Amino acid sequence: MAEQEMLNAQPRTEHGKGPARRLRAQGLIPAILYGAGEAPVDLALPQKEIERLLAIDRVHTIINLRLAGADGAQEQQVMFRELQRDPVTRRPVHADLIRVRADQELHVTVEVHGAGTPTGVREGGILERPVREVEIRCLPADLPEHLEVDISGLKINGSFHARELPLGGSMHLVTDPETVLFHVAIPRAAAAVEAEKEAAEGEEAEEGEPEVIGKKKAEEAES
């Protein structure tokens, strides 16, 4: 599990578009914390801290949330469930956080990284990645920052499926096991040549089919 980052937060009492705009003008974004059987809590988070976490790809990992209060700051472990962005500036504008408990499984999305250059690519093939993330369930202690797999043995037309992922500890796959994560495709030019060759072979097979004599005689009799 990746080293945990700290995120500061403060309670939020006002709601609606007006208060949200005022928060953003102060460099804060509205957020809500829920989960683990406890009541939801409205928060305000520093925009700069969110952007820092985004820059180091830590929004998919467990974070220590420090919540300021009248009795002093309290810390708890959380994860981002959803992060909304402005469609133009791409800056974060709202966040949903979920509480993390050591004995409760998490349903998370994890990136898959390929290690090594596939044999098929060295032979001229093209590496395709139809899906770059998978969904898993696991306890917080087993949450990986990402999953890394060796794809150096993939040949042309070879594929690596989600079911082949090395999942340890409490991790188990939620994504369809037959999902293709890596595939080495034939180069387009070679694929076109192969298609033309197959079409030509098919035409030759049709031209070379023996004539069925009995059928021909029956057709002549009918005429």
Protein backbone atom coordinates (compact mmCIF):
# COMPACT_ATOMS: atom_id res chain seq x y z
CA MET A 1 0.00 0.00 0.00
CA ALA A 2 1.29 3.47 -0.86
CA GLU A 3 2.47 5.86 1.84
CA GLN A 4 -0.56 7.76 3.07
CA GLU A 5 -0.91 11.47 2.36
CA MET A 6 -2.53 14.02 4.66
CA LEU A 7 -5.57 16.06 3.64
CA ASN A 8 -6.85 18.90 5.81
CA ALA A 9 -10.57 19.61 6.03
CA GLN A 10 -13.00 21.83 7.88
CA PRO A 11 -16.73 21.46 8.57
CA ARG A 12 -19.15 23.07 6.13
CA THR A 13 -22.52 24.37 7.30
CA GLU A 14 -23.84 26.29 4.28
CA HIS A 15 -25.25 24.62 1.17
CA GLY A 16 -26.33 25.67 -2.30
CA LYS A 17 -24.71 27.27 -5.32
CA GLY A 18 -24.03 30.62 -3.65
CA PRO A 19 -22.08 29.24 -0.66
CA ALA A 20 -20.26 26.81 -2.99
CA ARG A 21 -19.10 29.73 -5.17
CA ARG A 22 -17.90 31.61 -2.08
CA LEU A 23 -15.96 28.55 -0.94
CA ARG A 24 -14.23 28.21 -4.30
CA ALA A 25 -13.36 31.92 -4.24
CA GLN A 26 -11.53 31.19 -0.96
CA GLY A 27 -9.59 28.34 -2.52
CA LEU A 28 -11.82 25.62 -1.03
CA ILE A 29 -14.12 23.06 -2.63
CA PRO A 30 -17.27 21.52 -1.11
CA ALA A 31 -17.15 17.84 -0.23
CA ILE A 32 -19.09 15.19 1.64
CA LEU A 33 -17.78 12.33 3.80
CA TYR A 34 -19.92 9.21 4.29
CA GLY A 35 -19.80 5.46 4.77
CA ALA A 36 -18.98 2.94 7.53
CA GLY A 37 -22.50 3.23 8.95
CA GLU A 38 -21.97 6.80 10.16
CA ALA A 39 -23.88 9.98 9.30
CA PRO A 40 -22.61 12.00 6.31
CA VAL A 41 -20.49 15.06 7.11
CA ASP A 42 -20.25 18.15 4.90
CA LEU A 43 -16.69 19.37 4.42
CA ALA A 44 -14.60 22.05 2.76
CA LEU A 45 -11.26 20.92 1.29
CA PRO A 46 -8.29 23.05 0.18
CA GLN A 47 -8.19 23.06 -3.62
CA LYS A 48 -4.36 23.20 -3.69
CA GLU A 49 -4.14 20.02 -1.60
CA ILE A 50 -6.54 18.21 -3.93
CA GLU A 51 -4.51 19.29 -6.95
CA ARG A 52 -1.32 18.11 -5.23
CA LEU A 53 -2.85 14.68 -4.69
CA LEU A 54 -3.95 14.59 -8.31
CA ALA A 55 -0.43 15.49 -9.46
CA ILE A 56 1.09 12.51 -7.63
CA ASP A 57 -1.81 10.16 -8.44
CA ARG A 58 -2.92 9.66 -4.87
CA VAL A 59 -6.66 10.16 -5.25
CA HIS A 60 -7.09 6.41 -5.70
CA THR A 61 -5.33 5.48 -2.46
CA ILE A 62 -6.07 5.77 1.26
CA ILE A 63 -5.58 9.26 2.69
CA ASN A 64 -5.41 10.55 6.28
CA LEU A 65 -8.11 13.18 6.66
CA ARG A 66 -7.52 15.77 9.41
CA LEU A 67 -10.84 17.36 10.29
CA ALA A 68 -10.70 20.56 12.31
CA GLY A 69 -13.22 20.88 15.16
CA ALA A 70 -14.03 22.72 18.39
CA ASP A 71 -12.33 19.96 20.40
CA GLY A 72 -9.26 19.89 18.19
CA ALA A 73 -8.44 18.10 14.96
CA GLN A 74 -9.49 14.49 14.45
CA GLU A 75 -7.86 12.14 11.95
CA GLN A 76 -9.41 9.27 10.05
CA GLN A 77 -8.65 7.25 6.95
CA VAL A 78 -10.65 8.01 3.81
CA MET A 79 -10.68 7.50 0.06
CA PHE A 80 -12.05 9.56 -2.80
CA ARG A 81 -15.21 7.98 -4.18
CA GLU A 82 -15.87 10.67 -6.79
CA LEU A 83 -14.15 13.86 -7.86
CA GLN A 84 -16.07 16.30 -10.06
CA ARG A 85 -14.19 18.74 -12.30
CA ASP A 86 -15.07 21.92 -14.11
CA PRO A 87 -15.66 20.94 -17.75
CA VAL A 88 -13.58 23.87 -19.03
CA THR A 89 -10.75 24.41 -16.53
CA ARG A 90 -10.64 20.76 -15.32
CA ARG A 91 -10.18 22.03 -11.77
CA PRO A 92 -11.85 20.03 -8.98
CA VAL A 93 -15.20 21.53 -7.91
CA HIS A 94 -16.70 18.86 -5.62
CA ALA A 95 -15.57 15.67 -3.91
CA ASP A 96 -17.19 12.61 -2.35
CA LEU A 97 -15.09 10.85 0.29
CA ILE A 98 -15.74 7.48 1.89
CA ARG A 99 -14.56 6.34 5.30
CA VAL A 100 -12.14 3.43 5.43
CA ARG A 101 -12.28 0.75 8.12
CA ALA A 102 -9.54 -1.87 8.54
CA ASP A 103 -12.02 -4.76 8.71
CA GLN A 104 -14.25 -3.67 5.82
CA GLU A 105 -13.56 -4.50 2.19
CA LEU A 106 -13.18 -1.73 -0.36
CA HIS A 107 -14.56 -1.81 -3.90
CA VAL A 108 -11.96 0.12 -5.88
CA THR A 109 -10.65 0.75 -9.39
CA VAL A 110 -6.94 0.03 -9.88
CA GLU A 111 -4.69 0.78 -12.85
CA VAL A 112 -2.86 -2.09 -14.54
CA HIS A 113 0.71 -1.50 -15.74
CA GLY A 114 2.50 -3.74 -18.22
CA ALA A 115 6.19 -4.57 -17.67
CA GLY A 116 8.52 -5.55 -20.51
CA THR A 117 8.28 -5.36 -24.28
CA PRO A 118 6.11 -8.14 -25.77
CA THR A 119 7.79 -10.58 -28.14
CA GLY A 120 5.12 -9.79 -30.72
CA VAL A 121 5.97 -6.09 -30.63
CA ARG A 122 9.64 -6.85 -31.27
CA GLU A 123 8.46 -8.83 -34.30
CA GLY A 124 6.51 -5.88 -35.67
CA GLY A 125 3.17 -6.23 -33.87
CA ILE A 126 1.23 -3.40 -32.24
CA LEU A 127 0.45 -3.39 -28.50
CA GLU A 128 -3.18 -2.52 -27.80
CA ARG A 129 -4.68 -1.73 -24.39
CA PRO A 130 -8.48 -1.94 -24.61
CA VAL A 131 -8.89 -1.56 -20.82
CA ARG A 132 -6.39 0.14 -18.49
CA GLU A 133 -8.14 -0.35 -15.13
CA VAL A 134 -9.87 -3.16 -13.27
CA GLU A 135 -12.24 -3.26 -10.33
CA ILE A 136 -11.27 -5.29 -7.29
CA ARG A 137 -12.44 -5.83 -3.72
CA CYS A 138 -9.97 -6.05 -0.85
CA LEU A 139 -9.23 -5.04 2.72
CA PRO A 140 -7.50 -1.65 3.13
CA ALA A 141 -4.21 -3.28 4.15
CA ASP A 142 -4.02 -5.06 0.78
CA LEU A 143 -4.96 -2.09 -1.41
CA PRO A 144 -2.33 -1.76 -4.17
CA GLU A 145 -1.28 1.55 -5.70
CA HIS A 146 -1.45 -0.27 -9.05
CA LEU A 147 -1.11 -3.79 -10.47
CA GLU A 148 1.95 -4.66 -12.55
CA VAL A 149 2.12 -7.66 -14.87
CA ASP A 150 4.83 -9.11 -17.12
CA ILE A 151 3.69 -8.94 -20.74
CA SER A 152 7.07 -9.65 -22.35
CA GLY A 153 5.94 -13.14 -23.42
CA LEU A 154 2.95 -11.94 -25.47
CA LYS A 155 3.26 -12.97 -29.13
CA ILE A 156 1.43 -11.58 -32.17
CA ASN A 157 -2.31 -12.17 -31.71
CA GLY A 158 -1.64 -12.93 -28.02
CA SER A 159 -3.79 -11.44 -25.25
CA PHE A 160 -3.57 -10.94 -21.49
CA HIS A 161 -6.90 -11.25 -19.66
CA ALA A 162 -8.07 -9.90 -16.31
CA ARG A 163 -8.28 -13.46 -14.94
CA GLU A 164 -4.48 -13.71 -15.29
CA LEU A 165 -3.80 -10.86 -12.86
CA PRO A 166 -1.69 -11.84 -9.83
CA LEU A 167 -4.03 -10.95 -6.94
CA GLY A 168 -2.77 -11.64 -3.44
CA GLY A 169 -4.01 -11.32 0.11
CA SER A 170 -7.69 -10.39 0.34
CA MET A 171 -7.87 -9.09 -3.25
CA HIS A 172 -10.38 -10.62 -5.61
CA LEU A 173 -11.51 -9.55 -9.06
CA VAL A 174 -14.80 -7.76 -9.72
CA THR A 175 -14.18 -7.00 -13.41
CA ASP A 176 -15.24 -9.68 -15.93
CA PRO A 177 -12.36 -12.24 -15.90
CA GLU A 178 -12.41 -12.45 -19.72
CA THR A 179 -11.73 -8.72 -20.14
CA VAL A 180 -8.71 -8.19 -22.43
CA LEU A 181 -6.14 -5.86 -20.86
CA PHE A 182 -3.28 -6.24 -23.38
CA HIS A 183 -3.32 -7.51 -26.96
CA VAL A 184 -0.59 -7.66 -29.60
CA ALA A 185 -2.22 -7.04 -32.98
CA ILE A 186 -0.91 -7.81 -36.45
CA PRO A 187 0.32 -4.63 -38.21
CA ARG A 188 -2.41 -3.19 -40.46
CA ALA A 189 -0.44 -3.75 -43.66
CA ALA A 190 0.22 -7.38 -42.77
CA ALA A 191 -3.40 -7.85 -41.74
CA ALA A 192 -4.59 -6.50 -45.13
CA VAL A 193 -2.25 -8.87 -46.98
CA GLU A 194 -3.48 -11.79 -44.88
CA ALA A 195 -7.12 -10.88 -45.59
CA GLU A 196 -6.44 -10.69 -49.35
CA LYS A 197 -4.67 -14.05 -49.23
CA GLU A 198 -7.59 -15.68 -47.43
CA ALA A 199 -10.05 -14.18 -49.93
CA ALA A 200 -7.98 -15.48 -52.86
CA GLU A 201 -7.77 -18.95 -51.33
CA GLY A 202 -11.53 -18.93 -50.86
CA GLU A 203 -12.11 -18.06 -54.53
CA GLU A 204 -9.72 -20.78 -55.66
CA ALA A 205 -11.52 -23.31 -53.50
CA GLU A 206 -14.87 -22.38 -55.05
CA GLU A 207 -13.49 -22.60 -58.61
CA GLY A 208 -11.90 -25.96 -57.93
CA GLU A 209 -15.02 -27.64 -56.52
CA PRO A 210 -15.88 -30.87 -58.48
CA GLU A 211 -19.06 -30.89 -60.50
CA VAL A 212 -21.84 -33.07 -59.14
CA ILE A 213 -22.80 -35.15 -62.21
CA GLY A 214 -26.08 -36.42 -60.87
CA LYS A 215 -27.22 -32.92 -60.10
CA LYS A 216 -26.32 -31.70 -63.61
CA LYS A 217 -28.26 -34.53 -65.28
CA ALA A 218 -31.31 -33.77 -63.19
CA GLU A 219 -31.12 -30.11 -64.20
CA GLU A 220 -30.85 -31.07 -67.93
CA ALA A 221 -33.87 -33.37 -67.64
CA GLU A 222 -35.94 -30.60 -66.08
CA SER A 223 -35.06 -28.26 -68.93
